[in-house]
Amino acid sequence: MSRILAIDFGQKRTGIAVTDELQIIASGLTTVNTNELIPFLKDYTSKNKVELFLVGKPKQMNNTDSESETLILPFLQKLKNQLPNIPIQRVDERFTSKMAFQTMLDGGLKKKQRQNKALVDEISATIILQSYLYNK
């Protein structure tokens, strides 16, 4: 089997999570600067077999797309053009940042560690991936 890679896209930073090859466990991989995201994904997929990209879809409470969706759409087009053999699926990402912060609190991270926005992005990507695996 191959991995599933989840992307919590952000204007400055993007959190990335990945499954194991059996697609059982979701783990945070890293956070990358968004302007380096496509080269990172090309490099990662050249070394690891990835069968699916999950990309968070930001929604409002009334189920309409959030404003940040306009930033994600050009990225999705680039991703399709650069890595056309890997399908992309969108996943509702409402509340993932809040859940990530709560996970950090529950994990006993100190205030300084909880202010690490890159870690929040990585945990958010992991939550997106876990929810996909749970509902698969």
Protein backbone atom coordinates (compact mmCIF):
# COMPACT_ATOMS: atom_id res chain seq x y z
CA MET A 1 0.00 0.00 0.00
CA SER A 2 0.96 3.61 -0.05
CA ARG A 3 0.54 6.67 2.13
CA ILE A 4 -2.14 9.33 2.34
CA LEU A 5 -0.80 12.85 2.83
CA ALA A 6 -2.92 15.58 4.44
CA ILE A 7 -2.35 19.29 3.89
CA ASP A 8 -3.56 22.09 6.17
CA PHE A 9 -2.91 24.94 3.74
CA GLY A 10 -2.09 28.36 5.13
CA GLN A 11 -1.09 31.66 3.60
CA LYS A 12 2.35 31.58 5.29
CA ARG A 13 2.78 28.04 6.63
CA THR A 14 1.29 24.70 5.72
CA GLY A 15 0.95 21.76 8.08
CA ILE A 16 1.52 18.29 6.68
CA ALA A 17 0.55 14.91 8.10
CA VAL A 18 0.93 11.45 6.63
CA THR A 19 -0.24 7.90 7.24
CA ASP A 20 1.90 4.85 7.58
CA GLU A 21 1.98 2.58 4.50
CA LEU A 22 -0.93 0.49 5.85
CA GLN A 23 -2.98 3.68 6.27
CA ILE A 24 -3.73 2.94 9.91
CA ILE A 25 -1.92 5.69 11.80
CA ALA A 26 -1.93 9.43 11.09
CA SER A 27 1.21 11.28 12.16
CA GLY A 28 2.30 14.87 11.90
CA LEU A 29 5.11 15.14 9.37
CA THR A 30 6.20 18.77 9.34
CA THR A 31 5.24 22.35 8.64
CA VAL A 32 6.69 24.04 5.57
CA ASN A 33 6.64 27.60 4.28
CA THR A 34 3.77 27.72 1.82
CA ASN A 35 5.98 29.17 -0.92
CA GLU A 36 8.11 25.98 -0.65
CA LEU A 37 5.15 23.57 -0.55
CA ILE A 38 5.13 22.27 -4.14
CA PRO A 39 8.90 21.53 -4.19
CA PHE A 40 8.54 19.81 -0.79
CA LEU A 41 5.67 17.63 -2.06
CA LYS A 42 7.52 16.75 -5.26
CA ASP A 43 10.56 15.70 -3.24
CA TYR A 44 8.49 13.75 -0.70
CA THR A 45 6.50 11.88 -3.36
CA SER A 46 9.70 11.00 -5.23
CA LYS A 47 10.89 9.14 -2.11
CA ASN A 48 7.57 7.82 -0.74
CA LYS A 49 4.58 6.31 -2.48
CA VAL A 50 1.57 8.57 -1.90
CA GLU A 51 -1.82 7.54 -3.26
CA LEU A 52 -3.92 10.52 -2.17
CA PHE A 53 -3.59 14.14 -1.13
CA LEU A 54 -6.17 15.34 1.40
CA VAL A 55 -6.50 19.10 1.42
CA GLY A 56 -8.46 20.90 4.11
CA LYS A 57 -11.51 22.79 2.91
CA PRO A 58 -12.22 25.80 5.14
CA LYS A 59 -15.94 26.35 5.66
CA GLN A 60 -18.06 28.87 7.51
CA MET A 61 -20.61 27.74 10.10
CA ASN A 62 -23.36 28.11 7.47
CA ASN A 63 -21.46 25.59 5.27
CA THR A 64 -20.30 28.16 2.70
CA ASP A 65 -16.65 28.39 1.71
CA SER A 66 -14.51 30.65 3.88
CA GLU A 67 -12.51 33.53 2.42
CA SER A 68 -9.27 31.52 2.57
CA GLU A 69 -10.65 29.11 -0.04
CA THR A 70 -9.67 31.69 -2.67
CA LEU A 71 -6.02 31.20 -1.62
CA ILE A 72 -6.27 27.41 -1.78
CA LEU A 73 -7.75 27.12 -5.29
CA PRO A 74 -4.60 28.34 -7.14
CA PHE A 75 -2.51 25.95 -5.03
CA LEU A 76 -4.80 23.05 -5.98
CA GLN A 77 -4.37 23.86 -9.67
CA LYS A 78 -0.58 23.94 -9.29
CA LEU A 79 -0.65 20.67 -7.37
CA LYS A 80 -2.73 19.00 -10.12
CA ASN A 81 -0.32 20.28 -12.76
CA GLN A 82 2.88 19.30 -10.91
CA LEU A 83 1.74 15.92 -9.53
CA PRO A 84 -1.09 14.84 -11.86
CA ASN A 85 -0.95 11.14 -10.94
CA ILE A 86 -1.96 11.66 -7.32
CA PRO A 87 -5.66 12.43 -6.78
CA ILE A 88 -6.75 15.25 -4.48
CA GLN A 89 -9.68 15.01 -2.10
CA ARG A 90 -11.03 17.88 -0.02
CA VAL A 91 -11.93 17.47 3.66
CA ASP A 92 -13.92 19.85 5.87
CA GLU A 93 -11.42 21.44 8.23
CA ARG A 94 -13.79 23.39 10.48
CA PHE A 95 -12.58 23.52 14.09
CA THR A 96 -9.26 21.75 13.39
CA SER A 97 -7.20 24.67 14.73
CA LYS A 98 -9.29 24.76 17.91
CA MET A 99 -8.99 20.98 18.28
CA ALA A 100 -5.23 21.22 17.70
CA PHE A 101 -4.90 23.83 20.42
CA GLN A 102 -7.00 21.69 22.78
CA THR A 103 -4.79 18.70 21.97
CA MET A 104 -1.77 20.76 22.95
CA LEU A 105 -3.45 21.73 26.23
CA ASP A 106 -4.46 18.13 26.94
CA GLY A 107 -0.93 17.01 26.14
CA GLY A 108 0.43 19.31 28.83
CA LEU A 109 2.43 21.57 26.53
CA LYS A 110 3.68 24.71 28.19
CA LYS A 111 2.38 28.13 27.10
CA LYS A 112 5.51 28.85 25.04
CA GLN A 113 5.09 25.57 23.12
CA ARG A 114 1.38 26.25 22.54
CA GLN A 115 2.29 29.55 20.87
CA ASN A 116 4.19 27.65 18.18
CA LYS A 117 1.86 28.21 15.22
CA ALA A 118 3.80 25.75 13.06
CA LEU A 119 3.00 23.01 15.56
CA VAL A 120 -0.68 23.98 15.51
CA ASP A 121 -0.66 23.67 11.69
CA GLU A 122 0.98 20.24 11.83
CA ILE A 123 -1.48 18.99 14.45
CA SER A 124 -4.37 20.41 12.39
CA ALA A 125 -3.20 18.42 9.36
CA THR A 126 -3.04 15.32 11.56
CA ILE A 127 -6.61 15.90 12.76
CA ILE A 128 -7.78 16.28 9.14
CA LEU A 129 -6.10 12.99 8.29
CA GLN A 130 -7.41 11.17 11.37
CA SER A 131 -10.98 12.26 10.63
CA TYR A 132 -10.63 10.99 7.06
CA LEU A 133 -9.29 7.62 8.25
CA TYR A 134 -12.03 7.33 10.85
CA ASN A 135 -14.78 7.97 8.29
CA LYS A 136 -13.18 5.95 5.49
